[in-house]
PDB file of N, CA and C in Angstrom:
ATOM      1  N   MET A   1      89.268  95.653 103.784  1.00  0.00           N
ATOM      2  CA  MET A   1      90.581  96.002 103.358  1.00  0.00           C
ATOM      3  C   MET A   1      90.738  95.640 101.891  1.00  0.00           C
ATOM      4  N   ARG A   2      91.314  96.530 101.109  1.00  0.00           N
ATOM      5  CA  ARG A   2      91.523  96.217  99.708  1.00  0.00           C
ATOM      6  C   ARG A   2      93.006  96.201  99.405  1.00  0.00           C
ATOM      7  N   PRO A   3      93.457  95.267  98.578  1.00  0.00           N
ATOM      8  CA  PRO A   3      94.876  95.198  98.256  1.00  0.00           C
ATOM      9  C   PRO A   3      95.313  96.404  97.452  1.00  0.00           C
ATOM     10  N   VAL A   4      96.544  96.777  97.629  1.00  0.00           N
ATOM     11  CA  VAL A   4      97.136  97.893  96.898  1.00  0.00           C
ATOM     12  C   VAL A   4      98.269  97.318  96.076  1.00  0.00           C
ATOM     13  N   SER A   5      98.444  97.845  94.871  1.00  0.00           N
ATOM     14  CA  SER A   5      99.455  97.285  93.987  1.00  0.00           C
ATOM     15  C   SER A   5     100.856  97.357  94.586  1.00  0.00           C
ATOM     16  N   ARG A   6     101.752  96.571  94.056  1.00  0.00           N
ATOM     17  CA  ARG A   6     103.117  96.420  94.560  1.00  0.00           C
ATOM     18  C   ARG A   6     103.797  97.764  94.775  1.00  0.00           C
ATOM     19  N   ALA A   7     104.329  97.929  95.968  1.00  0.00           N
ATOM     20  CA  ALA A   7     105.196  99.044  96.342  1.00  0.00           C
ATOM     21  C   ALA A   7     104.620 100.423  96.049  1.00  0.00           C
ATOM     22  N   ARG A   8     103.317 100.541  95.821  1.00  0.00           N
ATOM     23  CA  ARG A   8     102.705 101.854  95.676  1.00  0.00           C
ATOM     24  C   ARG A   8     102.432 102.382  97.063  1.00  0.00           C
ATOM     25  N   ARG A   9     102.878 103.564  97.356  1.00  0.00           N
ATOM     26  CA  ARG A   9     102.726 104.125  98.690  1.00  0.00           C
ATOM     27  C   ARG A   9     101.549 105.100  98.701  1.00  0.00           C
ATOM     28  N   SER A  10     100.769 105.048  99.759  1.00  0.00           N
ATOM     29  CA  SER A  10      99.671 105.992  99.904  1.00  0.00           C
ATOM     30  C   SER A  10     100.059 107.041 100.923  1.00  0.00           C
ATOM     31  N   GLU A  11      99.473 108.196 100.815  1.00  0.00           N
ATOM     32  CA  GLU A  11      99.782 109.305 101.705  1.00  0.00           C
ATOM     33  C   GLU A  11      98.654 109.496 102.704  1.00  0.00           C
ATOM     34  N   GLY A  12      98.976 110.014 103.848  1.00  0.00           N
ATOM     35  CA  GLY A  12      98.008 110.323 104.887  1.00  0.00           C
ATOM     36  C   GLY A  12      98.628 111.347 105.806  1.00  0.00           C
ATOM     37  N   THR A  13      98.083 111.492 106.989  1.00  0.00           N
ATOM     38  CA  THR A  13      98.608 112.481 107.915  1.00  0.00           C
ATOM     39  C   THR A  13      98.986 111.825 109.208  1.00  0.00           C
ATOM     40  N   ASP A  14     100.166 112.149 109.675  1.00  0.00           N
ATOM     41  CA  ASP A  14     100.634 111.693 110.979  1.00  0.00           C
ATOM     42  C   ASP A  14     100.489 112.864 111.926  1.00  0.00           C
ATOM     43  N   HIS A  15      99.774 112.673 112.994  1.00  0.00           N
ATOM     44  CA  HIS A  15      99.560 113.741 113.956  1.00  0.00           C
ATOM     45  C   HIS A  15     100.325 113.467 115.235  1.00  0.00           C
ATOM     46  N   GLY A  16     101.627 113.155 115.055  1.00  0.00           N
ATOM     47  CA  GLY A  16     102.487 113.005 116.214  1.00  0.00           C
ATOM     48  C   GLY A  16     102.237 111.758 117.014  1.00  0.00           C
ATOM     49  N   SER A  17     101.709 110.716 116.408  1.00  0.00           N
ATOM     50  CA  SER A  17     101.471 109.490 117.150  1.00  0.00           C
ATOM     51  C   SER A  17     102.803 108.908 117.601  1.00  0.00           C
ATOM     52  N   ASP A  18     102.883 108.480 118.860  1.00  0.00           N
ATOM     53  CA  ASP A  18     104.113 107.913 119.399  1.00  0.00           C
ATOM     54  C   ASP A  18     104.126 106.427 119.135  1.00  0.00           C
ATOM     55  N   GLN A  19     104.864 106.011 118.096  1.00  0.00           N
ATOM     56  CA  GLN A  19     104.880 104.610 117.719  1.00  0.00           C
ATOM     57  C   GLN A  19     106.268 104.016 117.881  1.00  0.00           C
ATOM     58  N   GLN A  20     107.149 104.683 118.622  1.00  0.00           N
ATOM     59  CA  GLN A  20     108.496 104.166 118.777  1.00  0.00           C
ATOM     60  C   GLN A  20     108.496 102.812 119.459  1.00  0.00           C
ATOM     61  N   GLY A  21     107.703 102.634 120.495  1.00  0.00           N
ATOM     62  CA  GLY A  21     107.642 101.358 121.190  1.00  0.00           C
ATOM     63  C   GLY A  21     107.178 100.248 120.271  1.00  0.00           C
ATOM     64  N   GLN A  22     106.123 100.492 119.510  1.00  0.00           N
ATOM     65  CA  GLN A  22     105.624  99.497 118.563  1.00  0.00           C
ATOM     66  C   GLN A  22     106.646  99.255 117.470  1.00  0.00           C
ATOM     67  N   GLY A  23     107.327 100.297 117.006  1.00  0.00           N
ATOM     68  CA  GLY A  23     108.342 100.145 115.975  1.00  0.00           C
ATOM     69  C   GLY A  23     109.468  99.236 116.429  1.00  0.00           C
ATOM     70  N   ARG A  24     109.890  99.382 117.689  1.00  0.00           N
ATOM     71  CA  ARG A  24     110.942  98.520 118.218  1.00  0.00           C
ATOM     72  C   ARG A  24     110.470  97.071 118.297  1.00  0.00           C
ATOM     73  N   HIS A  25     109.203  96.876 118.651  1.00  0.00           N
ATOM     74  CA  HIS A  25     108.642  95.523 118.712  1.00  0.00           C
ATOM     75  C   HIS A  25     108.646  94.889 117.322  1.00  0.00           C
ATOM     76  N   ASP A  26     108.197  95.637 116.310  1.00  0.00           N
ATOM     77  CA  ASP A  26     108.165  95.118 114.943  1.00  0.00           C
ATOM     78  C   ASP A  26     109.579  94.817 114.453  1.00  0.00           C
ATOM     79  N   GLU A  27     110.511  95.683 114.787  1.00  0.00           N
ATOM     80  CA  GLU A  27     111.903  95.476 114.399  1.00  0.00           C
ATOM     81  C   GLU A  27     112.439  94.192 115.050  1.00  0.00           C
ATOM     82  N   HIS A  28     112.114  93.986 116.307  1.00  0.00           N
ATOM     83  CA  HIS A  28     112.530  92.770 117.017  1.00  0.00           C
ATOM     84  C   HIS A  28     111.924  91.532 116.359  1.00  0.00           C
ATOM     85  N   GLU A  29     110.638  91.597 116.030  1.00  0.00           N
ATOM     86  CA  GLU A  29     109.972  90.458 115.386  1.00  0.00           C
ATOM     87  C   GLU A  29     110.560  90.188 114.005  1.00  0.00           C
ATOM     88  N   ALA A  30     110.902  91.240 113.271  1.00  0.00           N
ATOM     89  CA  ALA A  30     111.517  91.074 111.951  1.00  0.00           C
ATOM     90  C   ALA A  30     112.878  90.398 112.084  1.00  0.00           C
ATOM     91  N   GLN A  31     113.655  90.792 113.088  1.00  0.00           N
ATOM     92  CA  GLN A  31     114.951  90.162 113.329  1.00  0.00           C
ATOM     93  C   GLN A  31     114.768  88.694 113.728  1.00  0.00           C
ATOM     94  N   HIS A  32     113.772  88.431 114.546  1.00  0.00           N
ATOM     95  CA  HIS A  32     113.488  87.060 114.980  1.00  0.00           C
ATOM     96  C   HIS A  32     113.103  86.190 113.775  1.00  0.00           C
ATOM     97  N   ALA A  33     112.349  86.746 112.840  1.00  0.00           N
ATOM     98  CA  ALA A  33     111.957  86.007 111.632  1.00  0.00           C
ATOM     99  C   ALA A  33     113.193  85.655 110.800  1.00  0.00           C
ATOM    100  N   ILE A  34     114.168  86.561 110.740  1.00  0.00           N
ATOM    101  CA  ILE A  34     115.417  86.286 110.028  1.00  0.00           C
ATOM    102  C   ILE A  34     116.135  85.111 110.691  1.00  0.00           C
ATOM    103  N   GLU A  35     116.229  85.168 112.012  1.00  0.00           N
ATOM    104  CA  GLU A  35     116.923  84.113 112.757  1.00  0.00           C
ATOM    105  C   GLU A  35     116.261  82.749 112.577  1.00  0.00           C
ATOM    106  N   ARG A  36     114.955  82.738 112.329  1.00  0.00           N
ATOM    107  CA  ARG A  36     114.233  81.474 112.097  1.00  0.00           C
ATOM    108  C   ARG A  36     114.299  81.039 110.637  1.00  0.00           C
ATOM    109  N   GLY A  37     114.971  81.838 109.802  1.00  0.00           N
ATOM    110  CA  GLY A  37     115.121  81.476 108.396  1.00  0.00           C
ATOM    111  C   GLY A  37     113.920  81.808 107.533  1.00  0.00           C
ATOM    112  N   ARG A  38     113.047  82.694 108.003  1.00  0.00           N
ATOM    113  CA  ARG A  38     111.845  83.060 107.239  1.00  0.00           C
ATOM    114  C   ARG A  38     112.223  83.900 106.022  1.00  0.00           C
ATOM    115  N   LYS A  39     111.480  83.743 104.940  1.00  0.00           N
ATOM    116  CA  LYS A  39     111.662  84.534 103.717  1.00  0.00           C
ATOM    117  C   LYS A  39     110.573  85.593 103.574  1.00  0.00           C
ATOM    118  N   VAL A  40     109.504  85.471 104.381  1.00  0.00           N
ATOM    119  CA  VAL A  40     108.375  86.407 104.340  1.00  0.00           C
ATOM    120  C   VAL A  40     108.090  86.867 105.767  1.00  0.00           C
ATOM    121  N   PHE A  41     107.830  88.160 105.909  1.00  0.00           N
ATOM    122  CA  PHE A  41     107.471  88.741 107.201  1.00  0.00           C
ATOM    123  C   PHE A  41     106.284  89.666 106.965  1.00  0.00           C
ATOM    124  N   VAL A  42     105.206  89.491 107.723  1.00  0.00           N
ATOM    125  CA  VAL A  42     104.014  90.333 107.598  1.00  0.00           C
ATOM    126  C   VAL A  42     103.839  91.103 108.900  1.00  0.00           C
ATOM    127  N   ALA A  43     103.677  92.417 108.768  1.00  0.00           N
ATOM    128  CA  ALA A  43     103.506  93.275 109.940  1.00  0.00           C
ATOM    129  C   ALA A  43     102.292  94.175 109.740  1.00  0.00           C
ATOM    130  N   LYS A  44     101.600  94.453 110.857  1.00  0.00           N
ATOM    131  CA  LYS A  44     100.477  95.398 110.831  1.00  0.00           C
ATOM    132  C   LYS A  44     100.942  96.662 111.544  1.00  0.00           C
ATOM    133  N   PHE A  45     100.889  97.776 110.843  1.00  0.00           N
ATOM    134  CA  PHE A  45     101.239  99.067 111.417  1.00  0.00           C
ATOM    135  C   PHE A  45      99.964  99.892 111.522  1.00  0.00           C
ATOM    136  N   ILE A  46      99.753 100.533 112.659  1.00  0.00           N
ATOM    137  CA  ILE A  46      98.563 101.360 112.860  1.00  0.00           C
ATOM    138  C   ILE A  46      98.996 102.801 113.026  1.00  0.00           C
ATOM    139  N   GLU A  47      98.383 103.673 112.259  1.00  0.00           N
ATOM    140  CA  GLU A  47      98.711 105.093 112.250  1.00  0.00           C
ATOM    141  C   GLU A  47      97.485 105.888 112.684  1.00  0.00           C
ATOM    142  N   ALA A  48      97.670 106.799 113.617  1.00  0.00           N
ATOM    143  CA  ALA A  48      96.579 107.675 114.042  1.00  0.00           C
ATOM    144  C   ALA A  48      96.371 108.752 112.983  1.00  0.00           C
ATOM    145  N   ASN A  49      95.122 109.118 112.773  1.00  0.00           N
ATOM    146  CA  ASN A  49      94.790 110.119 111.765  1.00  0.00           C
ATOM    147  C   ASN A  49      93.539 110.842 112.245  1.00  0.00           C
ATOM    148  N   THR A  50      93.583 112.164 112.305  1.00  0.00           N
ATOM    149  CA  THR A  50      92.408 112.883 112.784  1.00  0.00           C
ATOM    150  C   THR A  50      91.328 113.004 111.718  1.00  0.00           C
ATOM    151  N   THR A  51      91.717 112.981 110.466  1.00  0.00           N
ATOM    152  CA  THR A  51      90.734 113.048 109.390  1.00  0.00           C
ATOM    153  C   THR A  51      91.309 112.483 108.110  1.00  0.00           C
ATOM    154  N   SER A  52      90.515 111.757 107.367  1.00  0.00           N
ATOM    155  CA  SER A  52      90.978 111.211 106.091  1.00  0.00           C
ATOM    156  C   SER A  52      90.949 112.253 104.985  1.00  0.00           C
ATOM    157  N   LEU A  53      90.453 113.454 105.291  1.00  0.00           N
ATOM    158  CA  LEU A  53      90.397 114.504 104.279  1.00  0.00           C
ATOM    159  C   LEU A  53      91.707 115.272 104.162  1.00  0.00           C
ATOM    160  N   VAL A  54      92.626 115.029 105.079  1.00  0.00           N
ATOM    161  CA  VAL A  54      93.911 115.717 105.069  1.00  0.00           C
ATOM    162  C   VAL A  54      94.973 114.761 104.547  1.00  0.00           C
ATOM    163  N   THR A  55      95.827 115.245 103.634  1.00  0.00           N
ATOM    164  CA  THR A  55      96.917 114.408 103.144  1.00  0.00           C
ATOM    165  C   THR A  55      98.235 114.935 103.679  1.00  0.00           C
ATOM    166  N   GLY A  56      99.205 114.074 103.728  1.00  0.00           N
ATOM    167  CA  GLY A  56     100.528 114.456 104.198  1.00  0.00           C
ATOM    168  C   GLY A  56     101.317 113.223 104.568  1.00  0.00           C
ATOM    169  N   PRO A  57     102.534 113.412 105.025  1.00  0.00           N
ATOM    170  CA  PRO A  57     103.379 112.252 105.348  1.00  0.00           C
ATOM    171  C   PRO A  57     102.864 111.494 106.562  1.00  0.00           C
ATOM    172  N   MET A  58     103.088 110.214 106.543  1.00  0.00           N
ATOM    173  CA  MET A  58     102.767 109.349 107.679  1.00  0.00           C
ATOM    174  C   MET A  58     104.110 108.963 108.299  1.00  0.00           C
ATOM    175  N   THR A  59     104.691 109.889 109.046  1.00  0.00           N
ATOM    176  CA  THR A  59     106.068 109.705 109.510  1.00  0.00           C
ATOM    177  C   THR A  59     106.236 108.516 110.435  1.00  0.00           C
ATOM    178  N   GLY A  60     105.242 108.196 111.253  1.00  0.00           N
ATOM    179  CA  GLY A  60     105.341 107.015 112.097  1.00  0.00           C
ATOM    180  C   GLY A  60     105.451 105.755 111.252  1.00  0.00           C
ATOM    181  N   LEU A  61     104.666 105.695 110.194  1.00  0.00           N
ATOM    182  CA  LEU A  61     104.706 104.556 109.280  1.00  0.00           C
ATOM    183  C   LEU A  61     106.031 104.518 108.530  1.00  0.00           C
ATOM    184  N   ASN A  62     106.506 105.684 108.094  1.00  0.00           N
ATOM    185  CA  ASN A  62     107.816 105.750 107.432  1.00  0.00           C
ATOM    186  C   ASN A  62     108.886 105.123 108.307  1.00  0.00           C
ATOM    187  N   ASP A  63     108.920 105.523 109.569  1.00  0.00           N
ATOM    188  CA  ASP A  63     109.941 105.044 110.500  1.00  0.00           C
ATOM    189  C   ASP A  63     109.863 103.533 110.688  1.00  0.00           C
ATOM    190  N   GLN A  64     108.655 103.004 110.804  1.00  0.00           N
ATOM    191  CA  GLN A  64     108.488 101.570 111.031  1.00  0.00           C
ATOM    192  C   GLN A  64     108.921 100.759 109.814  1.00  0.00           C
ATOM    193  N   ILE A  65     108.536 101.191 108.627  1.00  0.00           N
ATOM    194  CA  ILE A  65     108.931 100.484 107.402  1.00  0.00           C
ATOM    195  C   ILE A  65     110.442 100.547 107.234  1.00  0.00           C
ATOM    196  N   GLU A  66     111.036 101.727 107.437  1.00  0.00           N
ATOM    197  CA  GLU A  66     112.483 101.868 107.294  1.00  0.00           C
ATOM    198  C   GLU A  66     113.239 101.004 108.296  1.00  0.00           C
ATOM    199  N   ALA A  67     112.722 100.870 109.510  1.00  0.00           N
ATOM    200  CA  ALA A  67     113.388 100.040 110.524  1.00  0.00           C
ATOM    201  C   ALA A  67     113.405  98.575 110.098  1.00  0.00           C
ATOM    202  N   VAL A  68     112.309  98.091 109.525  1.00  0.00           N
ATOM    203  CA  VAL A  68     112.256  96.701 109.063  1.00  0.00           C
ATOM    204  C   VAL A  68     113.152  96.529 107.833  1.00  0.00           C
ATOM    205  N   GLU A  69     113.097  97.472 106.897  1.00  0.00           N
ATOM    206  CA  GLU A  69     113.937  97.374 105.702  1.00  0.00           C
ATOM    207  C   GLU A  69     115.424  97.461 106.037  1.00  0.00           C
ATOM    208  N   ALA A  70     115.787  98.163 107.097  1.00  0.00           N
ATOM    209  CA  ALA A  70     117.192  98.269 107.503  1.00  0.00           C
ATOM    210  C   ALA A  70     117.762  96.909 107.905  1.00  0.00           C
ATOM    211  N   LEU A  71     116.884  95.962 108.229  1.00  0.00           N
ATOM    212  CA  LEU A  71     117.317  94.610 108.589  1.00  0.00           C
ATOM    213  C   LEU A  71     117.490  93.712 107.367  1.00  0.00           C
ATOM    214  N   GLY A  72     117.219  94.256 106.180  1.00  0.00           N
ATOM    215  CA  GLY A  72     117.379  93.472 104.954  1.00  0.00           C
ATOM    216  C   GLY A  72     116.079  92.997 104.335  1.00  0.00           C
ATOM    217  N   TRP A  73     114.949  93.333 104.923  1.00  0.00           N
ATOM    218  CA  TRP A  73     113.657  93.012 104.335  1.00  0.00           C
ATOM    219  C   TRP A  73     113.330  94.041 103.263  1.00  0.00           C
ATOM    220  N   HIS A  74     112.518  93.659 102.273  1.00  0.00           N
ATOM    221  CA  HIS A  74     112.074  94.565 101.213  1.00  0.00           C
ATOM    222  C   HIS A  74     110.549  94.580 101.212  1.00  0.00           C
ATOM    223  N   LEU A  75     109.960  95.785 101.292  1.00  0.00           N
ATOM    224  CA  LEU A  75     108.500  95.898 101.241  1.00  0.00           C
ATOM    225  C   LEU A  75     108.028  95.465  99.863  1.00  0.00           C
ATOM    226  N   ASP A  76     107.242  94.398  99.818  1.00  0.00           N
ATOM    227  CA  ASP A  76     106.789  93.827  98.549  1.00  0.00           C
ATOM    228  C   ASP A  76     105.375  94.273  98.214  1.00  0.00           C
ATOM    229  N   GLN A  77     104.459  94.186  99.185  1.00  0.00           N
ATOM    230  CA  GLN A  77     103.064  94.559  98.969  1.00  0.00           C
ATOM    231  C   GLN A  77     102.486  95.081 100.273  1.00  0.00           C
ATOM    232  N   PHE A  78     101.375  95.823 100.159  1.00  0.00           N
ATOM    233  CA  PHE A  78     100.672  96.229 101.367  1.00  0.00           C
ATOM    234  C   PHE A  78      99.204  96.464 101.072  1.00  0.00           C
ATOM    235  N   ALA A  79      98.413  96.446 102.129  1.00  0.00           N
ATOM    236  CA  ALA A  79      96.982  96.723 102.048  1.00  0.00           C
ATOM    237  C   ALA A  79      96.648  97.716 103.158  1.00  0.00           C
ATOM    238  N   VAL A  80      95.633  98.538 102.925  1.00  0.00           N
ATOM    239  CA  VAL A  80      95.268  99.600 103.868  1.00  0.00           C
ATOM    240  C   VAL A  80      93.803  99.477 104.246  1.00  0.00           C
ATOM    241  N   GLY A  81      93.521  99.703 105.531  1.00  0.00           N
ATOM    242  CA  GLY A  81      92.147  99.754 106.010  1.00  0.00           C
ATOM    243  C   GLY A  81      91.996 100.916 106.980  1.00  0.00           C
ATOM    244  N   GLU A  82      90.843 101.556 106.975  1.00  0.00           N
ATOM    245  CA  GLU A  82      90.583 102.664 107.895  1.00  0.00           C
ATOM    246  C   GLU A  82      89.455 102.270 108.829  1.00  0.00           C
ATOM    247  N   GLY A  83      89.505 102.794 110.039  1.00  0.00           N
ATOM    248  CA  GLY A  83      88.444 102.524 110.993  1.00  0.00           C
ATOM    249  C   GLY A  83      88.374 103.597 112.053  1.00  0.00           C
ATOM    250  N   GLN A  84      87.288 103.594 112.788  1.00  0.00           N
ATOM    251  CA  GLN A  84      87.083 104.544 113.865  1.00  0.00           C
ATOM    252  C   GLN A  84      87.337 103.861 115.202  1.00  0.00           C
ATOM    253  N   ALA A  85      87.975 104.575 116.098  1.00  0.00           N
ATOM    254  CA  ALA A  85      88.170 104.116 117.466  1.00  0.00           C
ATOM    255  C   ALA A  85      87.655 105.215 118.382  1.00  0.00           C
ATOM    256  N   LEU A  86      87.538 104.932 119.652  1.00  0.00           N
ATOM    257  CA  LEU A  86      87.068 105.954 120.590  1.00  0.00           C
ATOM    258  C   LEU A  86      87.991 107.167 120.619  1.00  0.00           C
ATOM    259  N   THR A  87      89.262 106.943 120.331  1.00  0.00           N
ATOM    260  CA  THR A  87      90.229 108.037 120.373  1.00  0.00           C
ATOM    261  C   THR A  87      90.452 108.689 119.020  1.00  0.00           C
ATOM    262  N   GLY A  88      89.708 108.309 118.010  1.00  0.00           N
ATOM    263  CA  GLY A  88      89.844 108.936 116.692  1.00  0.00           C
ATOM    264  C   GLY A  88      89.992 107.914 115.585  1.00  0.00           C
ATOM    265  N   GLU A  89      90.261 108.407 114.409  1.00  0.00           N
ATOM    266  CA  GLU A  89      90.393 107.555 113.231  1.00  0.00           C
ATOM    267  C   GLU A  89      91.753 106.866 113.222  1.00  0.00           C
ATOM    268  N   ARG A  90      91.768 105.630 112.763  1.00  0.00           N
ATOM    269  CA  ARG A  90      93.002 104.855 112.664  1.00  0.00           C
ATOM    270  C   ARG A  90      93.126 104.286 111.258  1.00  0.00           C
ATOM    271  N   VAL A  91      94.355 104.225 110.792  1.00  0.00           N
ATOM    272  CA  VAL A  91      94.660 103.600 109.514  1.00  0.00           C
ATOM    273  C   VAL A  91      95.555 102.406 109.821  1.00  0.00           C
ATOM    274  N   ALA A  92      95.139 101.221 109.390  1.00  0.00           N
ATOM    275  CA  ALA A  92      95.953 100.022 109.568  1.00  0.00           C
ATOM    276  C   ALA A  92      96.567  99.668 108.220  1.00  0.00           C
ATOM    277  N   VAL A  93      97.870  99.441 108.231  1.00  0.00           N
ATOM    278  CA  VAL A  93      98.598  99.076 107.023  1.00  0.00           C
ATOM    279  C   VAL A  93      99.227  97.702 107.275  1.00  0.00           C
ATOM    280  N   ILE A  94      98.809  96.730 106.473  1.00  0.00           N
ATOM    281  CA  ILE A  94      99.379  95.386 106.548  1.00  0.00           C
ATOM    282  C   ILE A  94     100.469  95.319 105.477  1.00  0.00           C
ATOM    283  N   CYS A  95     101.716  95.126 105.939  1.00  0.00           N
ATOM    284  CA  CYS A  95     102.854  95.132 105.033  1.00  0.00           C
ATOM    285  C   CYS A  95     103.446  93.739 104.892  1.00  0.00           C
ATOM    286  N   LEU A  96     103.673  93.307 103.670  1.00  0.00           N
ATOM    287  CA  LEU A  96     104.310  92.041 103.394  1.00  0.00           C
ATOM    288  C   LEU A  96     105.744  92.337 102.937  1.00  0.00           C
ATOM    289  N   PHE A  97     106.699  91.880 103.721  1.00  0.00           N
ATOM    290  CA  PHE A  97     108.115  92.065 103.418  1.00  0.00           C
ATOM    291  C   PHE A  97     108.687  90.730 102.952  1.00  0.00           C
ATOM    292  N   ARG A  98     109.670  90.787 102.067  1.00  0.00           N
ATOM    293  CA  ARG A  98     110.350  89.575 101.599  1.00  0.00           C
ATOM    294  C   ARG A  98     111.854  89.747 101.707  1.00  0.00           C
ATOM    295  N   ARG A  99     112.539  88.610 101.826  1.00  0.00           N
ATOM    296  CA  ARG A  99     113.995  88.554 101.797  1.00  0.00           C
ATOM    297  C   ARG A  99     114.401  87.629 100.657  1.00  0.00           C
ATOM    298  N   SER A 100     115.542  87.905 100.069  1.00  0.00           N
ATOM    299  CA  SER A 100     116.058  87.039  98.997  1.00  0.00           C
ATOM    300  C   SER A 100     116.596  85.747  99.566  1.00  0.00           C
TER     301      SER A 100
END
């Protein structure tokens, strides 16, 4: 995994991956971190991708980041890694969120 500069967003392709359940879990964990008085929250989001040669929006990732930011967190930095799974290619995005 290589670090990506502050708040620079990368593009990829979302092929209809159903991440609503995971998004709700991340949102719950982000809220729990607020209740514990945390100033930093780190989340791993995994996006399905059939090929890295295709570019386009990663709507599942968009939804997950927006859900966490809606709680008052701000995406500060992120890192991206790609890998193969039996069900296809996956992109993992590690996001570091901060609160004032």
